[in-house]
């Protein structure tokens, strides 16, 4: 990913455990021309869940977006009843649903 445009290291953040393991991470992608940041991927190691670590790292990336000049941030998550945790995380950060993508098979 580091070789992919528009990768910038200041939007690639992790939370490390006291043992030095990656506990949570958030990769942010910033489009300076449009002033928009996006999260992908975001995750928490199963042994470190329910501690607010994903929220903390996402907030840090949001601050980095703002420092860079972002006016807006987006995230793409399923948000359905089968996959509720990401929706709860992003709503806790102030995101609201804007649109949905439906896949037909």
Protein backbone atom coordinates (compact mmCIF):
# COMPACT_ATOMS: atom_id res chain seq x y z
CA UNK A 1 0.00 0.00 0.00
CA UNK A 2 2.87 2.36 0.66
CA UNK A 3 3.63 2.48 -3.05
CA UNK A 4 0.04 3.38 -3.94
CA UNK A 5 -0.98 6.97 -4.57
CA UNK A 6 -2.12 8.89 -2.49
CA UNK A 7 -0.49 7.02 0.43
CA UNK A 8 0.90 9.31 3.12
CA UNK A 9 2.47 7.90 6.28
CA UNK A 10 0.85 10.50 8.57
CA UNK A 11 -2.53 8.88 7.89
CA UNK A 12 -1.32 5.31 8.55
CA UNK A 13 -1.58 4.93 12.33
CA UNK A 14 -1.52 2.07 14.82
CA UNK A 15 -2.13 1.61 18.53
CA UNK A 16 0.53 -0.57 20.11
CA UNK A 17 -0.05 -2.73 23.17
CA UNK A 18 2.32 -2.49 26.15
CA UNK A 19 4.06 -5.56 24.68
CA UNK A 20 4.62 -3.70 21.40
CA UNK A 21 2.03 -5.63 19.38
CA UNK A 22 -0.33 -3.87 16.97
CA UNK A 23 -3.62 -3.67 18.88
CA UNK A 24 -5.59 -1.45 16.48
CA UNK A 25 -4.98 0.38 13.21
CA UNK A 26 -6.52 2.89 10.85
CA UNK A 27 -5.29 3.59 7.35
CA UNK A 28 -6.44 6.96 6.09
CA UNK A 29 -6.39 8.10 2.50
CA UNK A 30 -6.49 11.84 1.86
CA UNK A 31 -7.55 13.51 -1.38
CA UNK A 32 -6.05 16.99 -1.07
CA UNK A 33 -7.65 18.25 -4.30
CA UNK A 34 -11.13 17.66 -2.86
CA UNK A 35 -10.33 18.04 0.85
CA UNK A 36 -11.73 14.59 1.65
CA UNK A 37 -10.27 11.82 3.79
CA UNK A 38 -11.38 8.19 3.82
CA UNK A 39 -10.75 5.30 6.22
CA UNK A 40 -9.75 1.89 4.88
CA UNK A 41 -8.87 -0.44 6.45
CA UNK A 42 -9.65 -0.12 10.17
CA UNK A 43 -9.34 -2.96 12.63
CA UNK A 44 -8.64 -4.18 16.14
CA UNK A 45 -6.87 -7.37 17.14
CA UNK A 46 -9.42 -9.72 18.79
CA UNK A 47 -7.46 -9.71 22.06
CA UNK A 48 -7.74 -5.93 22.35
CA UNK A 49 -11.36 -5.31 21.40
CA UNK A 50 -13.90 -3.34 23.48
CA UNK A 51 -11.26 -0.92 24.82
CA UNK A 52 -11.91 2.05 22.54
CA UNK A 53 -8.67 1.56 20.60
CA UNK A 54 -10.21 1.65 17.11
CA UNK A 55 -12.09 4.80 18.08
CA UNK A 56 -8.91 6.41 19.40
CA UNK A 57 -6.88 5.64 16.28
CA UNK A 58 -9.72 6.81 14.00
CA UNK A 59 -9.92 10.09 15.95
CA UNK A 60 -6.17 10.54 15.49
CA UNK A 61 -6.53 10.02 11.73
CA UNK A 62 -9.44 12.49 11.64
CA UNK A 63 -7.23 15.06 13.37
CA UNK A 64 -4.46 14.38 10.85
CA UNK A 65 -6.97 14.91 8.02
CA UNK A 66 -8.05 18.24 9.57
CA UNK A 67 -4.44 19.35 9.96
CA UNK A 68 -3.87 18.58 6.28
CA UNK A 69 -6.88 20.72 5.32
CA UNK A 70 -9.68 18.18 5.03
CA UNK A 71 -13.21 19.52 5.05
CA UNK A 72 -14.92 16.15 5.00
CA UNK A 73 -14.28 12.49 5.82
CA UNK A 74 -16.03 9.38 4.57
CA UNK A 75 -16.01 5.74 5.49
CA UNK A 76 -17.44 2.80 3.62
CA UNK A 77 -18.84 0.07 5.84
CA UNK A 78 -21.67 -2.36 5.42
CA UNK A 79 -23.61 -1.12 8.41
CA UNK A 80 -26.28 -3.79 8.15
CA UNK A 81 -27.65 -5.93 10.98
CA UNK A 82 -25.29 -8.77 10.04
CA UNK A 83 -22.22 -6.54 10.55
CA UNK A 84 -23.14 -3.96 13.22
CA UNK A 85 -19.83 -3.23 14.98
CA UNK A 86 -18.30 -0.93 12.32
CA UNK A 87 -21.55 1.03 12.09
CA UNK A 88 -21.52 1.61 15.87
CA UNK A 89 -17.87 2.68 15.76
CA UNK A 90 -18.37 5.21 12.98
CA UNK A 91 -21.57 6.59 14.51
CA UNK A 92 -19.66 7.11 17.79
CA UNK A 93 -17.26 9.29 15.80
CA UNK A 94 -20.10 11.41 14.44
CA UNK A 95 -20.54 9.79 11.03
CA UNK A 96 -24.08 9.44 9.73
CA UNK A 97 -25.38 7.28 6.90
CA UNK A 98 -25.44 9.12 3.61
CA UNK A 99 -26.15 6.39 1.11
CA UNK A 100 -26.14 2.62 0.77
CA UNK A 101 -24.68 0.28 -1.79
CA UNK A 102 -26.73 -2.76 -2.68
CA UNK A 103 -25.24 -5.82 -4.32
CA UNK A 104 -27.48 -8.04 -6.35
CA UNK A 105 -26.44 -11.60 -7.14
